[in-house]
C-alpha atoms as a PDB file:
ATOM      1  CA  MET A   1      50.224 192.777 103.147  1.00  0.00           C
ATOM      2  CA  ASP A   2      47.006 191.189 104.363  1.00  0.00           C
ATOM      3  CA  LEU A   3      48.290 188.124 106.080  1.00  0.00           C
ATOM      4  CA  LYS A   4      44.404 186.759 106.322  1.00  0.00           C
ATOM      5  CA  PRO A   5      44.514 185.004 102.813  1.00  0.00           C
ATOM      6  CA  LEU A   6      48.234 183.783 103.282  1.00  0.00           C
ATOM      7  CA  VAL A   7      47.667 181.930 106.611  1.00  0.00           C
ATOM      8  CA  GLU A   8      43.955 180.584 105.297  1.00  0.00           C
ATOM      9  CA  SER A   9      45.719 179.552 102.106  1.00  0.00           C
ATOM     10  CA  VAL A  10      47.947 177.291 103.823  1.00  0.00           C
ATOM     11  CA  ALA A  11      46.130 176.107 106.406  1.00  0.00           C
ATOM     12  CA  ARG A  12      43.813 174.866 103.471  1.00  0.00           C
ATOM     13  CA  GLU A  13      46.509 173.259 101.789  1.00  0.00           C
ATOM     14  CA  LEU A  14      47.829 171.461 104.983  1.00  0.00           C
ATOM     15  CA  LEU A  15      44.496 170.147 105.705  1.00  0.00           C
ATOM     16  CA  GLU A  16      44.045 168.748 102.541  1.00  0.00           C
ATOM     17  CA  ALA A  17      47.250 167.412 102.132  1.00  0.00           C
ATOM     18  CA  TRP A  18      46.552 165.698 105.875  1.00  0.00           C
ATOM     19  CA  ARG A  19      43.527 164.162 104.033  1.00  0.00           C
ATOM     20  CA  LYS A  20      45.085 162.539 101.125  1.00  0.00           C
ATOM     21  CA  GLU A  21      47.535 161.226 103.609  1.00  0.00           C
ATOM     22  CA  THR A  22      45.602 159.427 105.656  1.00  0.00           C
ATOM     23  CA  ALA A  23      43.032 158.402 102.972  1.00  0.00           C
ATOM     24  CA  THR A  24      46.153 156.299 101.404  1.00  0.00           C
ATOM     25  CA  GLN A  25      47.795 155.108 104.244  1.00  0.00           C
ATOM     26  CA  SER A  26      46.471 151.760 105.870  1.00  0.00           C
ATOM     27  CA  PRO A  27      46.030 151.854 109.319  1.00  0.00           C
ATOM     28  CA  PRO A  28      48.658 150.679 111.456  1.00  0.00           C
ATOM     29  CA  PRO A  29      48.262 146.631 112.677  1.00  0.00           C
ATOM     30  CA  LYS A  30      46.917 146.361 116.325  1.00  0.00           C
ATOM     31  CA  VAL A  31      46.792 144.003 118.772  1.00  0.00           C
ATOM     32  CA  LEU A  32      44.624 143.124 122.008  1.00  0.00           C
ATOM     33  CA  TYR A  33      46.230 141.830 125.482  1.00  0.00           C
ATOM     34  CA  VAL A  34      43.991 140.196 127.847  1.00  0.00           C
ATOM     35  CA  PHE A  35      44.974 140.290 131.200  1.00  0.00           C
ATOM     36  CA  CYS A  36      43.452 138.801 134.478  1.00  0.00           C
ATOM     37  CA  ASP A  37      43.438 142.000 136.679  1.00  0.00           C
ATOM     38  CA  SER A  38      44.260 145.772 136.385  1.00  0.00           C
ATOM     39  CA  THR A  39      47.922 144.955 137.782  1.00  0.00           C
ATOM     40  CA  ALA A  40      49.138 141.824 135.685  1.00  0.00           C
ATOM     41  CA  HIS A  41      49.845 144.272 132.313  1.00  0.00           C
ATOM     42  CA  GLU A  42      52.838 146.056 135.062  1.00  0.00           C
ATOM     43  CA  ALA A  43      55.267 143.331 133.985  1.00  0.00           C
ATOM     44  CA  TYR A  44      54.663 143.843 130.411  1.00  0.00           C
ATOM     45  CA  SER A  45      55.966 147.983 130.199  1.00  0.00           C
ATOM     46  CA  ASP A  46      58.970 146.582 128.175  1.00  0.00           C
ATOM     47  CA  GLN A  47      57.034 144.793 125.513  1.00  0.00           C
ATOM     48  CA  PHE A  48      54.610 147.649 125.027  1.00  0.00           C
ATOM     49  CA  ILE A  49      57.430 149.751 124.278  1.00  0.00           C
ATOM     50  CA  HIS A  50      58.763 147.285 121.990  1.00  0.00           C
ATOM     51  CA  LEU A  51      55.383 146.810 120.233  1.00  0.00           C
ATOM     52  CA  ARG A  52      54.918 150.750 119.599  1.00  0.00           C
ATOM     53  CA  ASN A  53      58.798 151.255 118.483  1.00  0.00           C
ATOM     54  CA  ASN A  54      58.075 149.059 115.535  1.00  0.00           C
ATOM     55  CA  GLY A  55      54.337 150.440 114.565  1.00  0.00           C
ATOM     56  CA  VAL A  56      52.492 148.178 116.574  1.00  0.00           C
ATOM     57  CA  CYS A  57      49.106 149.537 118.566  1.00  0.00           C
ATOM     58  CA  HIS A  58      48.140 147.424 121.371  1.00  0.00           C
ATOM     59  CA  ASP A  59      45.241 147.736 123.466  1.00  0.00           C
ATOM     60  CA  LEU A  60      44.588 146.517 127.201  1.00  0.00           C
ATOM     61  CA  LEU A  61      41.815 144.399 128.467  1.00  0.00           C
ATOM     62  CA  PHE A  62      41.732 143.809 132.063  1.00  0.00           C
ATOM     63  CA  LEU A  63      39.217 141.529 133.805  1.00  0.00           C
ATOM     64  CA  ASP A  64      38.641 142.319 137.349  1.00  0.00           C
ATOM     65  CA  GLY A  65      36.369 139.386 138.572  1.00  0.00           C
ATOM     66  CA  GLU A  66      35.575 138.434 135.295  1.00  0.00           C
ATOM     67  CA  THR A  67      31.807 138.817 136.287  1.00  0.00           C
ATOM     68  CA  SER A  68      32.289 142.269 137.315  1.00  0.00           C
ATOM     69  CA  GLY A  69      34.439 143.067 133.999  1.00  0.00           C
ATOM     70  CA  TRP A  70      31.985 142.535 131.488  1.00  0.00           C
ATOM     71  CA  LEU A  71      28.396 144.007 131.700  1.00  0.00           C
ATOM     72  CA  GLY A  72      28.228 143.446 128.080  1.00  0.00           C
ATOM     73  CA  MET A  73      25.624 145.832 126.191  1.00  0.00           C
ATOM     74  CA  HIS A  74      26.999 148.058 123.154  1.00  0.00           C
ATOM     75  CA  LYS A  75      30.635 149.045 122.466  1.00  0.00           C
ATOM     76  CA  ILE A  76      34.095 149.462 123.618  1.00  0.00           C
ATOM     77  CA  GLU A  77      35.430 153.204 123.738  1.00  0.00           C
ATOM     78  CA  CYS A  78      39.116 153.026 123.124  1.00  0.00           C
ATOM     79  CA  GLY A  79      41.446 155.718 122.151  1.00  0.00           C
ATOM     80  CA  GLY A  80      44.406 153.706 120.429  1.00  0.00           C
ATOM     81  CA  ALA A  81      48.015 152.592 120.960  1.00  0.00           C
ATOM     82  CA  GLY A  82      48.675 151.823 124.865  1.00  0.00           C
ATOM     83  CA  ARG A  83      45.242 153.051 125.545  1.00  0.00           C
ATOM     84  CA  ILE A  84      42.765 151.137 128.118  1.00  0.00           C
ATOM     85  CA  ILE A  85      39.566 149.705 127.323  1.00  0.00           C
ATOM     86  CA  ALA A  86      36.532 150.269 129.523  1.00  0.00           C
ATOM     87  CA  ALA A  87      34.559 147.275 129.771  1.00  0.00           C
ATOM     88  CA  ASP A  88      31.351 148.493 131.161  1.00  0.00           C
ATOM     89  CA  GLU A  89      27.840 148.744 130.514  1.00  0.00           C
ATOM     90  CA  PHE A  90      28.238 149.863 126.719  1.00  0.00           C
ATOM     91  CA  ALA A  91      30.949 146.730 126.424  1.00  0.00           C
ATOM     92  CA  PRO A  92      30.265 144.560 123.302  1.00  0.00           C
ATOM     93  CA  ALA A  93      29.797 140.750 123.531  1.00  0.00           C
ATOM     94  CA  PRO A  94      32.873 139.418 123.746  1.00  0.00           C
ATOM     95  CA  LEU A  95      32.584 137.876 120.285  1.00  0.00           C
ATOM     96  CA  GLU A  96      32.633 140.955 118.752  1.00  0.00           C
ATOM     97  CA  VAL A  97      35.732 142.197 120.129  1.00  0.00           C
ATOM     98  CA  PRO A  98      38.620 140.330 117.600  1.00  0.00           C
ATOM     99  CA  ARG A  99      37.285 141.784 114.686  1.00  0.00           C
ATOM    100  CA  ASP A 100      39.161 145.154 115.734  1.00  0.00           C
ATOM    101  CA  TYR A 101      42.450 143.627 115.979  1.00  0.00           C
ATOM    102  CA  ASP A 102      45.124 141.586 113.813  1.00  0.00           C
ATOM    103  CA  GLY A 103      45.453 139.492 116.582  1.00  0.00           C
ATOM    104  CA  ILE A 104      44.971 138.402 120.599  1.00  0.00           C
ATOM    105  CA  VAL A 105      47.759 138.037 123.475  1.00  0.00           C
ATOM    106  CA  ILE A 106      47.005 136.549 126.596  1.00  0.00           C
ATOM    107  CA  PRO A 107      49.855 136.176 128.566  1.00  0.00           C
ATOM    108  CA  GLU A 108      48.422 134.222 131.266  1.00  0.00           C
ATOM    109  CA  ILE A 109      45.469 131.518 130.851  1.00  0.00           C
ATOM    110  CA  ASP A 110      44.532 129.293 133.670  1.00  0.00           C
ATOM    111  CA  LEU A 111      43.089 125.800 133.783  1.00  0.00           C
ATOM    112  CA  ASP A 112      39.216 127.044 133.632  1.00  0.00           C
ATOM    113  CA  ASN A 113      39.588 129.106 130.502  1.00  0.00           C
ATOM    114  CA  ALA A 114      41.731 126.570 129.092  1.00  0.00           C
ATOM    115  CA  ALA A 115      39.427 123.532 129.568  1.00  0.00           C
ATOM    116  CA  ARG A 116      36.693 125.686 127.915  1.00  0.00           C
ATOM    117  CA  ILE A 117      38.557 126.557 124.838  1.00  0.00           C
ATOM    118  CA  ALA A 118      39.988 123.180 124.167  1.00  0.00           C
ATOM    119  CA  LEU A 119      36.194 121.623 124.579  1.00  0.00           C
ATOM    120  CA  GLY A 120      35.093 124.540 122.319  1.00  0.00           C
ATOM    121  CA  MET A 121      32.846 125.428 125.272  1.00  0.00           C
ATOM    122  CA  LYS A 122      32.085 129.554 125.800  1.00  0.00           C
ATOM    123  CA  GLY A 123      30.911 130.961 128.384  1.00  0.00           C
ATOM    124  CA  THR A 124      33.841 132.758 129.570  1.00  0.00           C
ATOM    125  CA  ILE A 125      35.512 136.137 128.094  1.00  0.00           C
ATOM    126  CA  LYS A 126      38.814 134.723 127.496  1.00  0.00           C
ATOM    127  CA  SER A 127      37.400 131.572 125.663  1.00  0.00           C
ATOM    128  CA  GLU A 128      34.569 133.830 123.842  1.00  0.00           C
ATOM    129  CA  ILE A 129      37.142 136.176 122.852  1.00  0.00           C
ATOM    130  CA  VAL A 130      39.570 133.306 121.449  1.00  0.00           C
ATOM    131  CA  PHE A 131      36.661 130.581 119.975  1.00  0.00           C
ATOM    132  CA  ALA A 132      35.637 134.350 117.846  1.00  0.00           C
ATOM    133  CA  ALA A 133      39.640 135.109 116.766  1.00  0.00           C
ATOM    134  CA  LEU A 134      40.319 131.545 115.617  1.00  0.00           C
ATOM    135  CA  MET A 135      36.885 131.939 113.285  1.00  0.00           C
ATOM    136  CA  GLU A 136      37.973 134.742 111.990  1.00  0.00           C
ATOM    137  CA  ARG A 137      41.423 133.236 111.254  1.00  0.00           C
ATOM    138  CA  LYS A 138      43.579 135.433 113.343  1.00  0.00           C
ATOM    139  CA  PHE A 139      46.251 134.520 115.760  1.00  0.00           C
ATOM    140  CA  VAL A 140      45.810 133.907 119.148  1.00  0.00           C
ATOM    141  CA  LEU A 141      49.094 134.128 121.576  1.00  0.00           C
ATOM    142  CA  VAL A 142      49.087 132.470 124.536  1.00  0.00           C
ATOM    143  CA  GLY A 143      52.037 132.493 127.581  1.00  0.00           C
ATOM    144  CA  GLU A 144      53.249 128.994 127.779  1.00  0.00           C
ATOM    145  CA  ASP A 145      54.481 129.541 131.141  1.00  0.00           C
ATOM    146  CA  SER A 146      51.305 130.492 132.979  1.00  0.00           C
ATOM    147  CA  PRO A 147      51.021 128.630 136.024  1.00  0.00           C
ATOM    148  CA  GLY A 148      47.428 127.589 135.595  1.00  0.00           C
ATOM    149  CA  ALA A 149      45.703 128.920 138.554  1.00  0.00           C
ATOM    150  CA  LYS A 150      43.854 132.578 138.777  1.00  0.00           C
ATOM    151  CA  ARG A 151      45.475 135.530 139.960  1.00  0.00           C
ATOM    152  CA  SER A 152      42.554 135.695 142.401  1.00  0.00           C
ATOM    153  CA  ASP A 153      42.727 132.112 143.184  1.00  0.00           C
ATOM    154  CA  ARG A 154      46.442 132.195 143.919  1.00  0.00           C
ATOM    155  CA  ARG A 155      45.659 135.173 146.496  1.00  0.00           C
ATOM    156  CA  THR A 156      43.097 133.206 148.019  1.00  0.00           C
ATOM    157  CA  LEU A 157      44.460 130.190 148.243  1.00  0.00           C
ATOM    158  CA  ARG A 158      47.843 131.230 148.957  1.00  0.00           C
ATOM    159  CA  THR A 159      49.781 129.055 146.757  1.00  0.00           C
ATOM    160  CA  ILE A 160      51.099 129.635 143.065  1.00  0.00           C
ATOM    161  CA  THR A 161      51.019 126.304 141.801  1.00  0.00           C
ATOM    162  CA  LEU A 162      48.638 123.516 140.459  1.00  0.00           C
ATOM    163  CA  PRO A 163      48.750 119.883 142.365  1.00  0.00           C
ATOM    164  CA  GLU A 164      50.229 117.469 140.121  1.00  0.00           C
ATOM    165  CA  PRO A 165      47.183 116.120 138.838  1.00  0.00           C
ATOM    166  CA  TYR A 166      45.894 119.470 137.821  1.00  0.00           C
ATOM    167  CA  ALA A 167      49.111 120.314 136.816  1.00  0.00           C
ATOM    168  CA  LYS A 168      49.329 117.302 134.399  1.00  0.00           C
ATOM    169  CA  LEU A 169      45.472 118.359 133.183  1.00  0.00           C
ATOM    170  CA  PHE A 170      46.736 121.799 132.210  1.00  0.00           C
ATOM    171  CA  SER A 171      49.032 120.553 130.147  1.00  0.00           C
ATOM    172  CA  TYR A 172      47.179 118.227 128.702  1.00  0.00           C
ATOM    173  CA  TYR A 173      44.857 121.161 127.655  1.00  0.00           C
ATOM    174  CA  LYS A 174      47.866 123.484 126.406  1.00  0.00           C
ATOM    175  CA  HIS A 175      48.814 120.798 124.081  1.00  0.00           C
ATOM    176  CA  GLU A 176      44.994 120.648 122.792  1.00  0.00           C
ATOM    177  CA  LEU A 177      44.960 124.181 122.136  1.00  0.00           C
ATOM    178  CA  SER A 178      48.116 124.116 120.201  1.00  0.00           C
ATOM    179  CA  MET A 179      46.252 121.639 118.019  1.00  0.00           C
ATOM    180  CA  TYR A 180      43.333 124.002 117.568  1.00  0.00           C
ATOM    181  CA  GLY A 181      45.346 126.844 115.928  1.00  0.00           C
ATOM    182  CA  VAL A 182      46.555 128.149 119.982  1.00  0.00           C
ATOM    183  CA  GLU A 183      50.166 129.603 119.601  1.00  0.00           C
ATOM    184  CA  LEU A 184      51.927 128.841 123.295  1.00  0.00           C
ATOM    185  CA  ALA A 185      55.453 130.975 123.670  1.00  0.00           C
ATOM    186  CA  PRO A 186      57.058 132.268 126.474  1.00  0.00           C
ATOM    187  CA  GLN A 187      55.689 135.119 128.096  1.00  0.00           C
ATOM    188  CA  LYS A 188      59.106 137.108 127.794  1.00  0.00           C
ATOM    189  CA  ARG A 189      58.797 136.784 123.698  1.00  0.00           C
ATOM    190  CA  LEU A 190      55.124 137.731 123.421  1.00  0.00           C
ATOM    191  CA  ALA A 191      55.865 141.014 121.701  1.00  0.00           C
ATOM    192  CA  ASP A 192      58.761 139.708 119.572  1.00  0.00           C
ATOM    193  CA  ILE A 193      56.566 137.067 118.067  1.00  0.00           C
ATOM    194  CA  VAL A 194      53.830 140.027 117.266  1.00  0.00           C
ATOM    195  CA  VAL A 195      56.145 142.104 115.876  1.00  0.00           C
ATOM    196  CA  ASP A 196      57.738 139.304 113.417  1.00  0.00           C
ATOM    197  CA  LYS A 197      53.824 138.369 112.840  1.00  0.00           C
ATOM    198  CA  LEU A 198      52.630 141.738 111.684  1.00  0.00           C
ATOM    199  CA  GLY A 199      55.969 142.531 110.127  1.00  0.00           C
ATOM    200  CA  ARG A 200      56.216 145.995 110.918  1.00  0.00           C
ATOM    201  CA  GLN A 201      59.814 147.807 110.909  1.00  0.00           C
ATOM    202  CA  GLY A 202      60.372 150.122 113.704  1.00  0.00           C
ATOM    203  CA  LYS A 203      61.012 154.214 113.498  1.00  0.00           C
ATOM    204  CA  ASP A 204      64.503 154.114 112.490  1.00  0.00           C
ATOM    205  CA  ASP A 205      64.142 152.088 109.684  1.00  0.00           C
ATOM    206  CA  ASP A 206      61.021 154.161 108.435  1.00  0.00           C
ATOM    207  CA  ARG A 207      62.691 157.190 108.560  1.00  0.00           C
ATOM    208  CA  ALA A 208      66.103 155.209 106.926  1.00  0.00           C
ATOM    209  CA  ASP A 209      63.185 153.787 104.154  1.00  0.00           C
ATOM    210  CA  ARG A 210      61.467 157.335 103.492  1.00  0.00           C
ATOM    211  CA  LYS A 211      64.995 159.203 103.176  1.00  0.00           C
ATOM    212  CA  SER A 212      65.652 156.554 100.690  1.00  0.00           C
ATOM    213  CA  ASP A 213      62.688 156.954  98.995  1.00  0.00           C
ATOM    214  CA  GLY A 214      63.176 160.243  98.641  1.00  0.00           C
ATOM    215  CA  SER A 215      66.466 160.729  97.221  1.00  0.00           C
ATOM    216  CA  GLN A 216      65.585 158.310  94.777  1.00  0.00           C
ATOM    217  CA  ARG A 217      62.821 160.293  93.684  1.00  0.00           C
ATOM    218  CA  GLN A 218      64.801 163.774  92.951  1.00  0.00           C
ATOM    219  CA  PRO A 219      64.614 164.635  89.172  1.00  0.00           C
ATOM    220  CA  GLU A 220      67.981 164.796  87.534  1.00  0.00           C
ATOM    221  CA  GLN A 221      69.535 168.056  86.509  1.00  0.00           C
ATOM    222  CA  LYS A 222      69.121 168.970  83.259  1.00  0.00           C
ATOM    223  CA  ASP A 223      69.774 172.038  81.098  1.00  0.00           C
ATOM    224  CA  SER A 224      66.666 174.322  80.394  1.00  0.00           C
ATOM    225  CA  THR A 225      65.732 175.954  77.495  1.00  0.00           C
ATOM    226  CA  PRO A 226      64.267 179.297  77.791  1.00  0.00           C
ATOM    227  CA  GLU A 227      60.714 177.378  76.815  1.00  0.00           C
ATOM    228  CA  ASP A 228      61.419 175.054  79.120  1.00  0.00           C
ATOM    229  CA  ARG A 229      61.722 177.742  81.956  1.00  0.00           C
ATOM    230  CA  GLN A 230      58.688 179.220  83.799  1.00  0.00           C
ATOM    231  CA  SER A 231      58.972 182.201  86.143  1.00  0.00           C
ATOM    232  CA  PHE A 232      56.613 183.314  89.053  1.00  0.00           C
ATOM    233  CA  HIS A 233      56.766 186.952  91.112  1.00  0.00           C
ATOM    234  CA  GLY A 234      54.243 186.201  93.167  1.00  0.00           C
ATOM    235  CA  ARG A 235      54.551 186.476  97.315  1.00  0.00           C
ATOM    236  CA  LEU A 236      52.500 182.584  97.722  1.00  0.00           C
ATOM    237  CA  LEU A 237      52.884 180.052  95.246  1.00  0.00           C
ATOM    238  CA  SER A 238      50.185 177.955  95.712  1.00  0.00           C
ATOM    239  CA  ALA A 239      49.495 174.370  94.240  1.00  0.00           C
ATOM    240  CA  ASP A 240      46.526 175.769  92.141  1.00  0.00           C
ATOM    241  CA  TRP A 241      48.888 178.194  90.381  1.00  0.00           C
ATOM    242  CA  LEU A 242      51.375 175.655  89.977  1.00  0.00           C
ATOM    243  CA  SER A 243      49.092 173.046  88.478  1.00  0.00           C
ATOM    244  CA  GLU A 244      46.945 175.384  86.156  1.00  0.00           C
ATOM    245  CA  THR A 245      50.620 176.822  84.475  1.00  0.00           C
ATOM    246  CA  TYR A 246      51.894 173.309  84.123  1.00  0.00           C
ATOM    247  CA  LYS A 247      48.904 171.888  82.103  1.00  0.00           C
ATOM    248  CA  ARG A 248      48.820 174.879  79.719  1.00  0.00           C
ATOM    249  CA  GLN A 249      52.897 174.738  79.280  1.00  0.00           C
ATOM    250  CA  PRO A 250      54.350 171.658  80.836  1.00  0.00           C
ATOM    251  CA  PHE A 251      58.379 173.066  82.262  1.00  0.00           C
ATOM    252  CA  GLY A 252      60.950 171.693  84.054  1.00  0.00           C
ATOM    253  CA  GLU A 253      62.282 174.395  85.802  1.00  0.00           C
ATOM    254  CA  LEU A 254      60.714 177.249  87.839  1.00  0.00           C
ATOM    255  CA  GLU A 255      62.083 180.779  88.877  1.00  0.00           C
ATOM    256  CA  ILE A 256      61.153 182.164  92.495  1.00  0.00           C
ATOM    257  CA  MET A 257      62.534 184.569  94.325  1.00  0.00           C
ATOM    258  CA  ARG A 258      64.253 183.548  98.290  1.00  0.00           C
ATOM    259  CA  SER A 259      61.228 185.492  99.630  1.00  0.00           C
ATOM    260  CA  THR A 260      58.479 183.204  98.079  1.00  0.00           C
ATOM    261  CA  ILE A 261      56.382 181.038 100.135  1.00  0.00           C
ATOM    262  CA  VAL A 262      55.830 177.314  98.787  1.00  0.00           C
ATOM    263  CA  THR A 263      52.793 175.819 100.461  1.00  0.00           C
ATOM    264  CA  PRO A 264      53.168 172.243 100.834  1.00  0.00           C
ATOM    265  CA  LEU A 265      51.309 171.449  98.532  1.00  0.00           C
ATOM    266  CA  ALA A 266      52.945 173.102  95.841  1.00  0.00           C
ATOM    267  CA  ALA A 267      56.347 171.485  96.544  1.00  0.00           C
ATOM    268  CA  ASP A 268      54.433 168.510  96.310  1.00  0.00           C
ATOM    269  CA  GLU A 269      53.383 169.060  92.908  1.00  0.00           C
ATOM    270  CA  ILE A 270      57.095 170.516  92.396  1.00  0.00           C
ATOM    271  CA  LYS A 271      58.175 166.942  93.269  1.00  0.00           C
ATOM    272  CA  ARG A 272      55.462 164.924  91.590  1.00  0.00           C
ATOM    273  CA  TYR A 273      56.369 167.385  88.278  1.00  0.00           C
ATOM    274  CA  GLY A 274      60.275 167.156  88.524  1.00  0.00           C
ATOM    275  CA  ILE A 275      60.547 170.563  88.729  1.00  0.00           C
ATOM    276  CA  ALA A 276      63.919 172.384  89.191  1.00  0.00           C
ATOM    277  CA  LEU A 277      63.296 175.618  91.700  1.00  0.00           C
ATOM    278  CA  THR A 278      65.811 178.337  91.010  1.00  0.00           C
ATOM    279  CA  TYR A 279      66.158 181.879  92.329  1.00  0.00           C
ATOM    280  CA  ALA A 280      65.899 185.030  90.273  1.00  0.00           C
ATOM    281  CA  ASP A 281      67.280 187.371  92.841  1.00  0.00           C
ATOM    282  CA  GLU A 282      70.674 185.009  92.857  1.00  0.00           C
ATOM    283  CA  ARG A 283      71.446 185.460  89.058  1.00  0.00           C
END
């Protein structure tokens, strides 16, 4: 037997099934995490695992020394969940970024950016991203326990807290942010809140749902009359043969040999029509 037509037929049906599946599936939700520098994300590794396990994709944006972190021309290159956005000469304007995301997460915000957002001022990447996200009615989640001073400032000045007057001002601006629609939450709960908002179930739940759905779609077994039974004696059972035969004369039982190869699309058609498979060499 020439295997080339067999392999080609199976490959074509697999590709067609994949195209149909991807065409009918809605893209998974995706959020953007914005960090001050390329080391700030390390403390959130467990949160990223939690997002991934619940079907939420995430991208990371690093702003190392903001002026060099965003040169702003055309587009962002990003490959999907857990990938890093390349902010280079091809990066878009910050206002364009929220279009591709369901929400923006900023684990740490500083006094400068909080003030700009609260006063409706743009001019920094964070303030423009937040402004654009709120304008597009997308959620913005900010860590409420941020220290208020930028990481670069803390390293340079060797202090981790704001003086009391600045700390009070920072608290005031955070209150203003919440009035404009920015949500404040503890940093350790950011991923939980994202999952709750986007309503995605974990992989185990998805498997259970698919199993449950499959069991509900199982056709009821019934006695077949000779007119309700069809036999196939070929080597490869394709979806084309099944559809054409069924259209000419619907049947509820199909008899094949144990050695017959059933293509994936043909198996889908069998389920769709509710056809029961039997094997001639077992009679």
